[in-house]
Amino acid sequence: MQTAAEVDSPSADMLVQVSVARQLVAVAVRAQVTSAPDAGHAASMAKAFSTDTAVRVAGKAMQLHSGMGYTWEIGIHAYLKRATLDRSLFGSPAEHRKRLARRYASA
């Protein structure tokens, strides 16, 4: 059994990571809608961070729920599978980070 502190601290960290990911996605969408010149780079930044965050958060949620995370009643395993798949779609986070690195290296 876990204590409240063992659950609260990781949960707060996960909330912060998800909040940052949401903000990056919102900025990327706004850049795309307004046809901003850096829309592609904003999308790369959002993709790299949000998909890594999704896998990390789902994995940590699985750990926090112990064995219950693997059951259909809780269903966290489905989120982890989806996050892992989404991470590889449209380029890996590493590819997007390389794209961003090239942009800042040339600046």
N, C-alpha and C. Protein backbone atom coordinates (compact mmCIF):
# COMPACT_ATOMS: atom_id res chain seq x y z
N MET A 1 0.84 -1.17 0.00
CA MET A 1 0.00 0.00 0.00
C MET A 1 0.89 1.24 0.00
N GLN A 2 0.49 2.24 -0.77
CA GLN A 2 1.29 3.45 -0.87
C GLN A 2 0.72 4.53 0.05
N THR A 3 1.62 5.39 0.54
CA THR A 3 1.16 6.50 1.37
C THR A 3 0.69 7.63 0.46
N ALA A 4 0.01 8.58 1.06
CA ALA A 4 -0.50 9.72 0.29
C ALA A 4 0.63 10.50 -0.37
N ALA A 5 1.75 10.65 0.33
CA ALA A 5 2.88 11.41 -0.23
C ALA A 5 3.48 10.69 -1.43
N GLU A 6 3.46 9.36 -1.40
CA GLU A 6 4.01 8.60 -2.52
C GLU A 6 3.15 8.70 -3.76
N VAL A 7 1.90 9.08 -3.59
CA VAL A 7 0.99 9.23 -4.72
C VAL A 7 0.85 10.69 -5.12
N ASP A 8 0.82 11.60 -4.14
CA ASP A 8 0.60 13.02 -4.42
C ASP A 8 1.72 13.65 -5.23
N SER A 9 2.96 13.39 -4.85
CA SER A 9 4.08 14.02 -5.54
C SER A 9 4.17 13.61 -7.01
N PRO A 10 4.13 12.32 -7.33
CA PRO A 10 4.16 11.94 -8.75
C PRO A 10 2.93 12.45 -9.51
N SER A 11 1.79 12.48 -8.83
CA SER A 11 0.58 12.96 -9.49
C SER A 11 0.70 14.45 -9.84
N ALA A 12 1.28 15.21 -8.94
CA ALA A 12 1.49 16.63 -9.21
C ALA A 12 2.47 16.82 -10.36
N ASP A 13 3.53 16.02 -10.39
CA ASP A 13 4.49 16.10 -11.48
C ASP A 13 3.83 15.77 -12.82
N MET A 14 2.98 14.75 -12.81
CA MET A 14 2.29 14.36 -14.04
C MET A 14 1.35 15.47 -14.51
N LEU A 15 0.66 16.13 -13.56
CA LEU A 15 -0.23 17.23 -13.91
C LEU A 15 0.53 18.37 -14.56
N VAL A 16 1.70 18.70 -14.02
CA VAL A 16 2.52 19.78 -14.60
C VAL A 16 2.95 19.41 -16.01
N GLN A 17 3.41 18.17 -16.21
CA GLN A 17 3.86 17.74 -17.53
C GLN A 17 2.72 17.78 -18.55
N VAL A 18 1.55 17.33 -18.15
CA VAL A 18 0.40 17.35 -19.06
C VAL A 18 -0.01 18.78 -19.36
N SER A 19 0.05 19.65 -18.38
CA SER A 19 -0.31 21.07 -18.60
C SER A 19 0.64 21.73 -19.59
N VAL A 20 1.92 21.45 -19.47
CA VAL A 20 2.90 22.00 -20.42
C VAL A 20 2.64 21.46 -21.82
N ALA A 21 2.37 20.16 -21.91
CA ALA A 21 2.08 19.55 -23.21
C ALA A 21 0.86 20.19 -23.86
N ARG A 22 -0.17 20.43 -23.07
CA ARG A 22 -1.38 21.08 -23.60
C ARG A 22 -1.08 22.48 -24.13
N GLN A 23 -0.26 23.21 -23.41
CA GLN A 23 0.09 24.56 -23.86
C GLN A 23 0.88 24.52 -25.17
N LEU A 24 1.81 23.58 -25.28
CA LEU A 24 2.58 23.45 -26.51
C LEU A 24 1.69 23.09 -27.69
N VAL A 25 0.73 22.20 -27.46
CA VAL A 25 -0.21 21.83 -28.53
C VAL A 25 -1.07 23.03 -28.91
N ALA A 26 -1.53 23.79 -27.92
CA ALA A 26 -2.34 24.97 -28.20
C ALA A 26 -1.57 25.99 -29.04
N VAL A 27 -0.32 26.20 -28.71
CA VAL A 27 0.52 27.14 -29.47
C VAL A 27 0.72 26.62 -30.89
N ALA A 28 0.93 25.32 -31.05
CA ALA A 28 1.13 24.74 -32.38
C ALA A 28 -0.13 24.87 -33.22
N VAL A 29 -1.28 24.64 -32.63
CA VAL A 29 -2.54 24.79 -33.36
C VAL A 29 -2.76 26.24 -33.77
N ARG A 30 -2.51 27.15 -32.85
CA ARG A 30 -2.66 28.58 -33.14
C ARG A 30 -1.73 29.00 -34.28
N ALA A 31 -0.51 28.50 -34.26
CA ALA A 31 0.46 28.84 -35.31
C ALA A 31 0.00 28.29 -36.66
N GLN A 32 -0.56 27.10 -36.66
CA GLN A 32 -1.05 26.50 -37.90
C GLN A 32 -2.27 27.26 -38.44
N VAL A 33 -3.18 27.61 -37.56
CA VAL A 33 -4.40 28.32 -37.97
C VAL A 33 -4.07 29.68 -38.55
N THR A 34 -3.11 30.36 -37.96
CA THR A 34 -2.74 31.71 -38.42
C THR A 34 -1.68 31.67 -39.51
N SER A 35 -1.30 30.48 -39.96
CA SER A 35 -0.28 30.31 -40.99
C SER A 35 1.04 31.00 -40.63
N ALA A 36 1.41 30.87 -39.36
CA ALA A 36 2.66 31.46 -38.90
C ALA A 36 3.84 30.76 -39.57
N PRO A 37 4.92 31.50 -39.84
CA PRO A 37 6.07 30.90 -40.52
C PRO A 37 6.74 29.79 -39.70
N ASP A 38 6.59 29.82 -38.39
CA ASP A 38 7.22 28.80 -37.55
C ASP A 38 6.24 27.71 -37.12
N ALA A 39 5.14 27.55 -37.84
CA ALA A 39 4.12 26.57 -37.47
C ALA A 39 4.67 25.15 -37.46
N GLY A 40 5.51 24.81 -38.41
CA GLY A 40 6.10 23.48 -38.45
C GLY A 40 6.99 23.20 -37.26
N HIS A 41 7.74 24.20 -36.85
CA HIS A 41 8.62 24.02 -35.70
C HIS A 41 7.81 23.94 -34.40
N ALA A 42 6.73 24.71 -34.33
CA ALA A 42 5.86 24.63 -33.16
C ALA A 42 5.22 23.25 -33.07
N ALA A 43 4.84 22.71 -34.22
CA ALA A 43 4.26 21.36 -34.25
C ALA A 43 5.29 20.31 -33.83
N SER A 44 6.53 20.48 -34.28
CA SER A 44 7.59 19.54 -33.90
C SER A 44 7.84 19.58 -32.40
N MET A 45 7.84 20.78 -31.84
CA MET A 45 8.06 20.91 -30.41
C MET A 45 6.92 20.26 -29.63
N ALA A 46 5.69 20.51 -30.07
CA ALA A 46 4.53 19.93 -29.39
C ALA A 46 4.52 18.42 -29.52
N LYS A 47 4.82 17.91 -30.70
CA LYS A 47 4.82 16.46 -30.94
C LYS A 47 5.88 15.77 -30.08
N ALA A 48 7.07 16.30 -30.09
CA ALA A 48 8.17 15.67 -29.34
C ALA A 48 7.87 15.63 -27.85
N PHE A 49 7.41 16.75 -27.31
CA PHE A 49 7.17 16.81 -25.87
C PHE A 49 5.92 16.06 -25.46
N SER A 50 4.82 16.27 -26.17
CA SER A 50 3.55 15.70 -25.73
C SER A 50 3.50 14.19 -25.84
N THR A 51 4.11 13.62 -26.88
CA THR A 51 4.07 12.17 -26.99
C THR A 51 4.99 11.50 -25.98
N ASP A 52 6.14 12.09 -25.72
CA ASP A 52 7.00 11.55 -24.66
C ASP A 52 6.31 11.66 -23.30
N THR A 53 5.65 12.79 -23.08
CA THR A 53 4.93 12.99 -21.83
C THR A 53 3.80 11.99 -21.67
N ALA A 54 3.07 11.73 -22.74
CA ALA A 54 1.96 10.78 -22.67
C ALA A 54 2.44 9.39 -22.25
N VAL A 55 3.55 8.94 -22.83
CA VAL A 55 4.09 7.62 -22.48
C VAL A 55 4.57 7.62 -21.03
N ARG A 56 5.27 8.68 -20.64
CA ARG A 56 5.79 8.77 -19.27
C ARG A 56 4.66 8.80 -18.24
N VAL A 57 3.63 9.61 -18.51
CA VAL A 57 2.51 9.74 -17.57
C VAL A 57 1.70 8.44 -17.50
N ALA A 58 1.43 7.83 -18.63
CA ALA A 58 0.68 6.57 -18.61
C ALA A 58 1.48 5.48 -17.90
N GLY A 59 2.78 5.45 -18.12
CA GLY A 59 3.62 4.47 -17.43
C GLY A 59 3.63 4.69 -15.92
N LYS A 60 3.72 5.94 -15.52
CA LYS A 60 3.72 6.25 -14.09
C LYS A 60 2.35 5.95 -13.47
N ALA A 61 1.29 6.22 -14.20
CA ALA A 61 -0.06 5.90 -13.71
C ALA A 61 -0.21 4.40 -13.53
N MET A 62 0.38 3.65 -14.45
CA MET A 62 0.35 2.20 -14.35
C MET A 62 1.05 1.75 -13.06
N GLN A 63 2.19 2.36 -12.76
CA GLN A 63 2.93 2.02 -11.54
C GLN A 63 2.16 2.40 -10.29
N LEU A 64 1.53 3.58 -10.31
CA LEU A 64 0.79 4.03 -9.14
C LEU A 64 -0.42 3.15 -8.84
N HIS A 65 -0.99 2.57 -9.88
CA HIS A 65 -2.15 1.70 -9.67
C HIS A 65 -1.75 0.25 -9.45
N SER A 66 -0.47 -0.01 -9.43
CA SER A 66 0.07 -1.36 -9.23
C SER A 66 -0.54 -2.33 -10.21
N GLY A 67 -0.91 -3.51 -9.75
CA GLY A 67 -1.46 -4.53 -10.63
C GLY A 67 -2.80 -4.16 -11.22
N MET A 68 -3.53 -3.27 -10.56
CA MET A 68 -4.85 -2.87 -11.07
C MET A 68 -4.75 -2.14 -12.40
N GLY A 69 -3.61 -1.55 -12.69
CA GLY A 69 -3.44 -0.83 -13.95
C GLY A 69 -3.52 -1.72 -15.17
N TYR A 70 -3.28 -3.01 -14.97
CA TYR A 70 -3.30 -3.96 -16.08
C TYR A 70 -4.69 -4.54 -16.31
N THR A 71 -5.64 -4.25 -15.45
CA THR A 71 -6.96 -4.85 -15.58
C THR A 71 -7.87 -3.99 -16.45
N TRP A 72 -8.92 -4.60 -16.97
CA TRP A 72 -9.88 -3.86 -17.80
C TRP A 72 -10.72 -2.91 -16.96
N GLU A 73 -10.83 -3.14 -15.65
CA GLU A 73 -11.62 -2.24 -14.80
C GLU A 73 -11.00 -0.85 -14.75
N ILE A 74 -9.70 -0.79 -14.70
CA ILE A 74 -8.99 0.50 -14.65
C ILE A 74 -8.65 0.97 -16.06
N GLY A 75 -8.10 0.10 -16.87
CA GLY A 75 -7.86 0.40 -18.28
C GLY A 75 -6.66 1.27 -18.62
N ILE A 76 -5.77 1.46 -17.68
CA ILE A 76 -4.61 2.31 -17.95
C ILE A 76 -3.71 1.69 -19.01
N HIS A 77 -3.69 0.37 -19.08
CA HIS A 77 -2.86 -0.29 -20.08
C HIS A 77 -3.25 0.13 -21.49
N ALA A 78 -4.53 0.41 -21.72
CA ALA A 78 -4.97 0.86 -23.05
C ALA A 78 -4.41 2.24 -23.37
N TYR A 79 -4.35 3.13 -22.38
CA TYR A 79 -3.77 4.45 -22.59
C TYR A 79 -2.28 4.35 -22.87
N LEU A 80 -1.61 3.44 -22.17
CA LEU A 80 -0.18 3.26 -22.39
C LEU A 80 0.09 2.73 -23.80
N LYS A 81 -0.72 1.78 -24.25
CA LYS A 81 -0.56 1.26 -25.61
C LYS A 81 -0.80 2.35 -26.63
N ARG A 82 -1.86 3.14 -26.45
CA ARG A 82 -2.17 4.23 -27.38
C ARG A 82 -1.07 5.27 -27.39
N ALA A 83 -0.57 5.64 -26.23
CA ALA A 83 0.50 6.65 -26.15
C ALA A 83 1.76 6.16 -26.84
N THR A 84 2.07 4.87 -26.67
CA THR A 84 3.26 4.31 -27.30
C THR A 84 3.11 4.31 -28.82
N LEU A 85 1.94 3.98 -29.30
CA LEU A 85 1.69 4.02 -30.74
C LEU A 85 1.77 5.46 -31.27
N ASP A 86 1.11 6.38 -30.58
CA ASP A 86 1.11 7.78 -31.02
C ASP A 86 2.50 8.38 -31.05
N ARG A 87 3.36 7.92 -30.15
CA ARG A 87 4.73 8.45 -30.12
C ARG A 87 5.47 8.16 -31.43
N SER A 88 5.17 7.03 -32.04
CA SER A 88 5.88 6.66 -33.26
C SER A 88 5.23 7.19 -34.54
N LEU A 89 4.01 7.68 -34.46
CA LEU A 89 3.33 8.21 -35.65
C LEU A 89 3.91 9.56 -36.06
N PHE A 90 4.02 9.79 -37.35
CA PHE A 90 4.46 11.07 -37.91
C PHE A 90 5.85 11.49 -37.43
N GLY A 91 6.71 10.52 -37.24
CA GLY A 91 8.08 10.82 -36.82
C GLY A 91 8.24 10.68 -35.33
N SER A 92 9.37 10.13 -34.94
CA SER A 92 9.64 9.94 -33.52
C SER A 92 9.98 11.27 -32.86
N PRO A 93 9.87 11.34 -31.55
CA PRO A 93 10.29 12.57 -30.86
C PRO A 93 11.75 12.92 -31.15
N ALA A 94 12.60 11.92 -31.29
CA ALA A 94 14.02 12.18 -31.59
C ALA A 94 14.18 12.88 -32.93
N GLU A 95 13.40 12.46 -33.93
CA GLU A 95 13.45 13.11 -35.25
C GLU A 95 13.00 14.56 -35.16
N HIS A 96 11.95 14.82 -34.39
CA HIS A 96 11.47 16.19 -34.24
C HIS A 96 12.47 17.06 -33.47
N ARG A 97 13.13 16.46 -32.49
CA ARG A 97 14.15 17.23 -31.75
C ARG A 97 15.34 17.56 -32.65
N LYS A 98 15.71 16.63 -33.53
CA LYS A 98 16.79 16.90 -34.49
C LYS A 98 16.40 18.05 -35.41
N ARG A 99 15.15 18.06 -35.84
CA ARG A 99 14.66 19.14 -36.69
C ARG A 99 14.77 20.48 -35.96
N LEU A 100 14.37 20.50 -34.70
CA LEU A 100 14.47 21.73 -33.91
C LEU A 100 15.93 22.12 -33.68
N ALA A 101 16.78 21.14 -33.45
CA ALA A 101 18.21 21.43 -33.24
C ALA A 101 18.83 22.04 -34.48
N ARG A 102 18.44 21.54 -35.65
CA ARG A 102 18.98 22.13 -36.90
C ARG A 102 18.53 23.58 -37.05
N ARG A 103 17.29 23.85 -36.65
CA ARG A 103 16.80 25.22 -36.75
C ARG A 103 17.61 26.16 -35.85
N TYR A 104 17.85 25.73 -34.63
CA TYR A 104 18.56 26.61 -33.69
C TYR A 104 20.06 26.62 -33.94
N ALA A 105 20.58 25.57 -34.54
CA ALA A 105 22.01 25.55 -34.88
C ALA A 105 22.32 26.52 -36.01
N SER A 106 21.36 26.68 -36.92
CA SER A 106 21.58 27.56 -38.06
C SER A 106 21.29 29.02 -37.73
N ALA A 107 20.65 29.26 -36.58
CA ALA A 107 20.29 30.64 -36.21
C ALA A 107 21.45 31.38 -35.60
